[in-house]
C-alpha atoms as a PDB file:
ATOM      1  CA  UNK A   1     140.491 101.132  91.564  1.00  0.00           C
ATOM      2  CA  UNK A   2     137.923  99.496  89.275  1.00  0.00           C
ATOM      3  CA  UNK A   3     136.918 101.006  85.957  1.00  0.00           C
ATOM      4  CA  UNK A   4     134.085 100.167  83.580  1.00  0.00           C
ATOM      5  CA  UNK A   5     134.413 101.626  80.094  1.00  0.00           C
ATOM      6  CA  UNK A   6     131.615 102.202  77.604  1.00  0.00           C
ATOM      7  CA  UNK A   7     131.903 103.287  74.004  1.00  0.00           C
ATOM      8  CA  UNK A   8     128.825 103.938  71.945  1.00  0.00           C
ATOM      9  CA  UNK A   9     127.959 105.336  68.549  1.00  0.00           C
ATOM     10  CA  UNK A  10     127.041 109.012  68.711  1.00  0.00           C
ATOM     11  CA  UNK A  11     123.312 108.343  68.492  1.00  0.00           C
ATOM     12  CA  UNK A  12     120.720 109.682  70.955  1.00  0.00           C
ATOM     13  CA  UNK A  13     119.155 106.260  71.473  1.00  0.00           C
ATOM     14  CA  UNK A  14     122.342 105.018  73.180  1.00  0.00           C
ATOM     15  CA  UNK A  15     122.273 107.716  75.875  1.00  0.00           C
ATOM     16  CA  UNK A  16     119.593 105.845  77.840  1.00  0.00           C
ATOM     17  CA  UNK A  17     121.793 102.757  78.014  1.00  0.00           C
ATOM     18  CA  UNK A  18     124.709 104.835  79.299  1.00  0.00           C
ATOM     19  CA  UNK A  19     122.458 106.313  82.016  1.00  0.00           C
ATOM     20  CA  UNK A  20     121.272 102.879  83.135  1.00  0.00           C
ATOM     21  CA  UNK A  21     124.781 101.413  83.250  1.00  0.00           C
ATOM     22  CA  UNK A  22     126.117 104.457  85.114  1.00  0.00           C
ATOM     23  CA  UNK A  23     123.389 104.216  87.763  1.00  0.00           C
ATOM     24  CA  UNK A  24     123.960 100.484  88.238  1.00  0.00           C
ATOM     25  CA  UNK A  25     127.722 100.866  88.625  1.00  0.00           C
ATOM     26  CA  UNK A  26     127.277 103.904  90.918  1.00  0.00           C
ATOM     27  CA  UNK A  27     124.930 101.896  93.155  1.00  0.00           C
ATOM     28  CA  UNK A  28     127.427  99.038  93.321  1.00  0.00           C
ATOM     29  CA  UNK A  29     130.254 101.507  94.097  1.00  0.00           C
ATOM     30  CA  UNK A  30     128.372 102.842  97.137  1.00  0.00           C
ATOM     31  CA  UNK A  31     126.914 106.108  95.868  1.00  0.00           C
ATOM     32  CA  UNK A  32     124.002 107.101  98.118  1.00  0.00           C
ATOM     33  CA  UNK A  33     120.606 105.969  96.777  1.00  0.00           C
ATOM     34  CA  UNK A  34     119.285 109.509  97.244  1.00  0.00           C
ATOM     35  CA  UNK A  35     121.618 110.877  94.548  1.00  0.00           C
ATOM     36  CA  UNK A  36     121.297 108.111  91.939  1.00  0.00           C
ATOM     37  CA  UNK A  37     118.704 110.141  90.037  1.00  0.00           C
ATOM     38  CA  UNK A  38     121.201 112.995  89.875  1.00  0.00           C
ATOM     39  CA  UNK A  39     123.846 110.583  88.568  1.00  0.00           C
ATOM     40  CA  UNK A  40     121.453 109.396  85.840  1.00  0.00           C
ATOM     41  CA  UNK A  41     120.480 112.938  84.863  1.00  0.00           C
ATOM     42  CA  UNK A  42     124.061 114.229  84.834  1.00  0.00           C
ATOM     43  CA  UNK A  43     125.316 111.302  82.759  1.00  0.00           C
ATOM     44  CA  UNK A  44     122.390 111.698  80.380  1.00  0.00           C
ATOM     45  CA  UNK A  45     123.152 115.388  79.947  1.00  0.00           C
ATOM     46  CA  UNK A  46     126.887 114.822  79.438  1.00  0.00           C
ATOM     47  CA  UNK A  47     126.308 111.996  76.960  1.00  0.00           C
ATOM     48  CA  UNK A  48     123.636 113.951  75.066  1.00  0.00           C
ATOM     49  CA  UNK A  49     126.057 116.863  74.842  1.00  0.00           C
ATOM     50  CA  UNK A  50     128.813 114.608  73.459  1.00  0.00           C
ATOM     51  CA  UNK A  51     126.410 113.020  70.950  1.00  0.00           C
ATOM     52  CA  UNK A  52     125.283 116.467  69.788  1.00  0.00           C
ATOM     53  CA  UNK A  53     128.866 117.679  69.400  1.00  0.00           C
ATOM     54  CA  UNK A  54     129.814 114.594  67.372  1.00  0.00           C
ATOM     55  CA  UNK A  55     126.765 114.896  65.148  1.00  0.00           C
ATOM     56  CA  UNK A  56     127.190 118.643  64.597  1.00  0.00           C
ATOM     57  CA  UNK A  57     130.657 118.192  63.083  1.00  0.00           C
ATOM     58  CA  UNK A  58     130.162 114.762  61.500  1.00  0.00           C
ATOM     59  CA  UNK A  59     132.455 112.759  63.772  1.00  0.00           C
ATOM     60  CA  UNK A  60     131.861 109.005  63.544  1.00  0.00           C
ATOM     61  CA  UNK A  61     134.092 108.084  66.501  1.00  0.00           C
ATOM     62  CA  UNK A  62     132.254 106.694  69.520  1.00  0.00           C
ATOM     63  CA  UNK A  63     131.433 108.650  72.654  1.00  0.00           C
ATOM     64  CA  UNK A  64     133.547 107.363  75.547  1.00  0.00           C
ATOM     65  CA  UNK A  65     132.336 106.906  79.108  1.00  0.00           C
ATOM     66  CA  UNK A  66     134.538 105.723  81.986  1.00  0.00           C
ATOM     67  CA  UNK A  67     132.965 104.735  85.315  1.00  0.00           C
ATOM     68  CA  UNK A  68     135.724 104.827  87.921  1.00  0.00           C
ATOM     69  CA  UNK A  69     135.335 103.346  91.385  1.00  0.00           C
ATOM     70  CA  UNK A  70     137.950 104.622  93.825  1.00  0.00           C
ATOM     71  CA  UNK A  71     138.368 104.205  97.575  1.00  0.00           C
ATOM     72  CA  UNK A  72     136.033 106.969  98.764  1.00  0.00           C
ATOM     73  CA  UNK A  73     134.601 108.317  95.533  1.00  0.00           C
ATOM     74  CA  UNK A  74     132.972 107.358  92.273  1.00  0.00           C
ATOM     75  CA  UNK A  75     133.748 109.288  89.091  1.00  0.00           C
ATOM     76  CA  UNK A  76     132.271 109.314  85.625  1.00  0.00           C
ATOM     77  CA  UNK A  77     134.191 110.700  82.667  1.00  0.00           C
ATOM     78  CA  UNK A  78     132.367 111.446  79.417  1.00  0.00           C
ATOM     79  CA  UNK A  79     134.662 112.194  76.498  1.00  0.00           C
ATOM     80  CA  UNK A  80     134.020 113.492  73.021  1.00  0.00           C
ATOM     81  CA  UNK A  81     136.324 113.965  70.046  1.00  0.00           C
ATOM     82  CA  UNK A  82     134.721 117.154  68.730  1.00  0.00           C
ATOM     83  CA  UNK A  83     137.084 120.094  68.292  1.00  0.00           C
ATOM     84  CA  UNK A  84     136.271 122.813  70.798  1.00  0.00           C
ATOM     85  CA  UNK A  85     137.148 126.433  70.212  1.00  0.00           C
ATOM     86  CA  UNK A  86     140.312 127.433  71.957  1.00  0.00           C
ATOM     87  CA  UNK A  87     139.750 130.686  73.882  1.00  0.00           C
ATOM     88  CA  UNK A  88     140.708 133.700  71.812  1.00  0.00           C
ATOM     89  CA  UNK A  89     140.044 132.083  68.442  1.00  0.00           C
ATOM     90  CA  UNK A  90     136.996 132.109  66.210  1.00  0.00           C
ATOM     91  CA  UNK A  91     138.227 130.252  63.153  1.00  0.00           C
ATOM     92  CA  UNK A  92     135.369 130.092  60.673  1.00  0.00           C
ATOM     93  CA  UNK A  93     132.436 130.182  63.076  1.00  0.00           C
ATOM     94  CA  UNK A  94     129.288 128.820  61.469  1.00  0.00           C
ATOM     95  CA  UNK A  95     126.054 130.867  61.524  1.00  0.00           C
ATOM     96  CA  UNK A  96     124.539 128.450  64.047  1.00  0.00           C
ATOM     97  CA  UNK A  97     127.637 128.547  66.254  1.00  0.00           C
ATOM     98  CA  UNK A  98     126.045 130.977  68.738  1.00  0.00           C
ATOM     99  CA  UNK A  99     122.989 128.746  69.156  1.00  0.00           C
ATOM    100  CA  UNK A 100     125.184 125.661  69.632  1.00  0.00           C
ATOM    101  CA  UNK A 101     127.382 127.517  72.130  1.00  0.00           C
ATOM    102  CA  UNK A 102     124.305 128.574  74.120  1.00  0.00           C
ATOM    103  CA  UNK A 103     123.011 124.971  74.173  1.00  0.00           C
ATOM    104  CA  UNK A 104     126.459 123.752  75.227  1.00  0.00           C
ATOM    105  CA  UNK A 105     126.600 126.287  78.080  1.00  0.00           C
ATOM    106  CA  UNK A 106     123.072 125.304  79.168  1.00  0.00           C
ATOM    107  CA  UNK A 107     124.037 121.617  79.264  1.00  0.00           C
ATOM    108  CA  UNK A 108     127.128 122.393  81.337  1.00  0.00           C
ATOM    109  CA  UNK A 109     125.030 124.537  83.688  1.00  0.00           C
ATOM    110  CA  UNK A 110     122.597 121.655  84.211  1.00  0.00           C
ATOM    111  CA  UNK A 111     125.468 119.278  84.968  1.00  0.00           C
ATOM    112  CA  UNK A 112     127.030 121.785  87.393  1.00  0.00           C
ATOM    113  CA  UNK A 113     123.666 122.091  89.144  1.00  0.00           C
ATOM    114  CA  UNK A 114     123.424 118.321  89.571  1.00  0.00           C
ATOM    115  CA  UNK A 115     127.018 117.530  90.527  1.00  0.00           C
ATOM    116  CA  UNK A 116     129.009 119.282  93.261  1.00  0.00           C
ATOM    117  CA  UNK A 117     132.386 118.106  91.929  1.00  0.00           C
ATOM    118  CA  UNK A 118     132.611 118.565  88.147  1.00  0.00           C
ATOM    119  CA  UNK A 119     135.597 119.348  85.926  1.00  0.00           C
ATOM    120  CA  UNK A 120     135.332 120.282  82.252  1.00  0.00           C
ATOM    121  CA  UNK A 121     138.312 120.304  79.930  1.00  0.00           C
ATOM    122  CA  UNK A 122     138.170 121.089  76.227  1.00  0.00           C
ATOM    123  CA  UNK A 123     140.599 121.525  73.395  1.00  0.00           C
ATOM    124  CA  UNK A 124     140.963 121.230  69.675  1.00  0.00           C
ATOM    125  CA  UNK A 125     140.988 117.405  69.891  1.00  0.00           C
ATOM    126  CA  UNK A 126     137.936 116.924  72.087  1.00  0.00           C
ATOM    127  CA  UNK A 127     136.564 117.434  75.526  1.00  0.00           C
ATOM    128  CA  UNK A 128     136.098 115.613  78.805  1.00  0.00           C
ATOM    129  CA  UNK A 129     133.590 116.063  81.605  1.00  0.00           C
ATOM    130  CA  UNK A 130     134.580 114.427  84.902  1.00  0.00           C
ATOM    131  CA  UNK A 131     131.883 114.176  87.574  1.00  0.00           C
ATOM    132  CA  UNK A 132     132.624 112.827  91.047  1.00  0.00           C
ATOM    133  CA  UNK A 133     130.407 111.708  93.938  1.00  0.00           C
ATOM    134  CA  UNK A 134     131.388 110.493  97.426  1.00  0.00           C
ATOM    135  CA  UNK A 135     130.764 106.859  98.304  1.00  0.00           C
ATOM    136  CA  UNK A 136     129.991 105.148 101.558  1.00  0.00           C
ATOM    137  CA  UNK A 137     131.763 101.902 102.371  1.00  0.00           C
ATOM    138  CA  UNK A 138     129.533  98.827 102.409  1.00  0.00           C
ATOM    139  CA  UNK A 139     128.268  97.814 105.830  1.00  0.00           C
ATOM    140  CA  UNK A 140     130.149  94.914 107.351  1.00  0.00           C
ATOM    141  CA  UNK A 141     127.904  92.196 108.708  1.00  0.00           C
ATOM    142  CA  UNK A 142     128.864  90.987 112.146  1.00  0.00           C
ATOM    143  CA  UNK A 143     128.293  87.322 112.889  1.00  0.00           C
END
């Protein structure tokens, strides 16, 4: 299992770099060329979401991206350190909280539409989006 890790300041201008690196590593891992645009879009959406969450609560910690190459699959994990509401609590919701929640749900819906295998976990210490695509083994040249 090979892993490439990225950490970048929570600034929108770094999302493009994360998309480009993710697509390059996905290609090398054997993700089908036909879905590389979906990989780029999904990573861009997940990273933009993490950047927005960090900026909305003033977190200066970097956004974390792990690109994980496994035997028959390629996964990308995008992590944030923003506190997420734990179901059943509404501790001091800000006036714009509904708007932010709607944007967050829209971003997750876009990701779910692009990626067949997606897992989202959130808690009071941050969140993680794990997206997984199948890979095809490289063709073996016969001499």
